[in-house]
Amino acid sequence: MIGKKVKVIVDRPLGSYHPEHKDLYYPINYGYIEDTMAPDGEEQDAYIIGVNNAVKEFSGTVIAIIHRYDDIEDKWVVAPEGLTFTKEEIGEAVSFQEKFFKSEIIL
């Protein structure tokens, strides 16, 4: 998956709150890859980093996979083509949600 170009449909834009967990603020855009099914039976979830404004959809490159040890689904990290981030930068960007899970970042 890493290196694959994808289109993310954003259902939780930067600056929004989780629809069920009202105290979970999204400091980055978050959505799903249309027509790509994840093990949870839903479309594959993805974080978008390197985009500093709220968007409705985004085309970019998968630069990392967040493998959750205590969840059925991994999360993909998508960035603008040509941008790279360190594991530390990715971890910091997604910590608002990933702090609730035991996971590793695969580049």
Protein backbone atom coordinates (compact mmCIF):
# COMPACT_ATOMS: atom_id res chain seq x y z
CA MET A 1 0.00 0.00 0.00
CA ILE A 2 2.81 2.42 0.76
CA GLY A 3 3.47 4.49 -2.34
CA LYS A 4 -0.03 3.94 -3.73
CA LYS A 5 -1.91 6.98 -4.99
CA VAL A 6 -5.39 7.22 -3.44
CA LYS A 7 -8.37 9.53 -3.14
CA VAL A 8 -9.63 10.18 0.39
CA ILE A 9 -13.23 11.22 1.02
CA VAL A 10 -13.06 13.40 4.14
CA ASP A 11 -15.87 12.87 6.62
CA ARG A 12 -14.08 14.46 9.57
CA PRO A 13 -12.36 17.61 8.33
CA LEU A 14 -9.65 19.50 10.15
CA GLY A 15 -11.29 21.54 12.91
CA SER A 16 -14.26 19.21 13.44
CA TYR A 17 -15.26 16.92 16.29
CA HIS A 18 -16.02 13.20 16.29
CA PRO A 19 -19.76 12.61 15.68
CA GLU A 20 -20.12 10.29 18.72
CA HIS A 21 -17.20 11.27 20.99
CA LYS A 22 -17.85 15.00 21.16
CA ASP A 23 -14.59 15.77 22.99
CA LEU A 24 -12.41 14.25 20.20
CA TYR A 25 -11.15 17.16 18.09
CA TYR A 26 -9.63 16.54 14.64
CA PRO A 27 -6.51 18.68 14.13
CA ILE A 28 -6.01 17.04 10.70
CA ASN A 29 -8.34 15.80 7.96
CA TYR A 30 -9.59 12.22 8.35
CA GLY A 31 -11.68 10.10 6.04
CA TYR A 32 -11.81 6.94 4.00
CA ILE A 33 -10.63 5.45 0.73
CA GLU A 34 -13.68 4.89 -1.44
CA ASP A 35 -14.12 1.31 -2.73
CA THR A 36 -11.28 -0.08 -0.60
CA MET A 37 -12.65 -2.31 2.14
CA ALA A 38 -10.92 -2.74 5.49
CA PRO A 39 -11.12 -5.77 7.82
CA ASP A 40 -13.88 -4.07 9.85
CA GLY A 41 -16.22 -4.29 6.84
CA GLU A 42 -16.11 -0.53 6.23
CA GLU A 43 -14.05 1.46 3.75
CA GLN A 44 -10.39 1.95 4.66
CA ASP A 45 -9.79 4.88 7.05
CA ALA A 46 -7.03 7.39 6.35
CA TYR A 47 -5.36 10.33 8.02
CA ILE A 48 -4.25 13.18 5.76
CA ILE A 49 -1.11 15.02 6.81
CA GLY A 50 0.65 17.93 5.14
CA VAL A 51 -2.63 19.72 4.35
CA ASN A 52 -3.34 22.61 6.68
CA ASN A 53 -6.90 23.48 5.70
CA ALA A 54 -10.18 21.57 5.84
CA VAL A 55 -10.94 19.66 2.64
CA LYS A 56 -13.84 17.52 1.38
CA GLU A 57 -11.66 15.15 -0.61
CA PHE A 58 -7.98 14.76 -1.26
CA SER A 59 -5.77 12.84 -3.69
CA GLY A 60 -2.33 11.91 -2.42
CA THR A 61 0.11 9.11 -1.70
CA VAL A 62 0.01 6.57 1.12
CA ILE A 63 3.23 7.27 3.04
CA ALA A 64 2.69 5.08 6.11
CA ILE A 65 0.49 2.47 7.72
CA ILE A 66 -0.48 2.70 11.38
CA HIS A 67 -0.77 -0.88 12.53
CA ARG A 68 -2.99 -1.16 15.57
CA TYR A 69 -2.29 -4.17 17.77
CA ASP A 70 -5.56 -3.77 19.67
CA ASP A 71 -7.94 -3.06 16.80
CA ILE A 72 -9.04 -4.97 13.71
CA GLU A 73 -8.21 -2.17 11.28
CA ASP A 74 -4.97 -0.44 10.38
CA LYS A 75 -5.08 3.23 9.40
CA TRP A 76 -3.39 4.67 6.31
CA VAL A 77 -1.48 7.95 6.33
CA VAL A 78 -1.84 9.97 3.12
CA ALA A 79 0.19 13.05 2.17
CA PRO A 80 0.58 15.31 -0.85
CA GLU A 81 2.69 13.68 -3.54
CA GLY A 82 6.39 14.24 -2.92
CA LEU A 83 6.07 15.13 0.78
CA THR A 84 7.65 12.86 3.36
CA PHE A 85 7.41 12.79 7.14
CA THR A 86 9.35 11.00 9.85
CA LYS A 87 7.74 8.45 12.15
CA GLU A 88 7.91 11.07 14.90
CA GLU A 89 6.13 13.70 12.79
CA ILE A 90 3.42 11.21 11.80
CA GLY A 91 3.04 10.05 15.40
CA GLU A 92 2.62 13.62 16.60
CA ALA A 93 0.04 14.41 13.89
CA VAL A 94 -2.16 11.40 14.71
CA SER A 95 -1.64 11.23 18.47
CA PHE A 96 -4.98 12.94 19.14
CA GLN A 97 -6.64 9.61 18.29
CA GLU A 98 -3.87 7.01 18.28
CA LYS A 99 -3.06 7.67 21.96
CA PHE A 100 -6.04 5.41 22.73
CA PHE A 101 -4.49 2.44 20.91
CA LYS A 102 -1.32 0.36 20.97
CA SER A 103 0.16 0.79 17.51
CA GLU A 104 3.25 1.11 15.37
CA ILE A 105 3.96 3.29 12.35
CA ILE A 106 5.26 1.47 9.29
CA LEU A 107 7.01 3.55 6.64
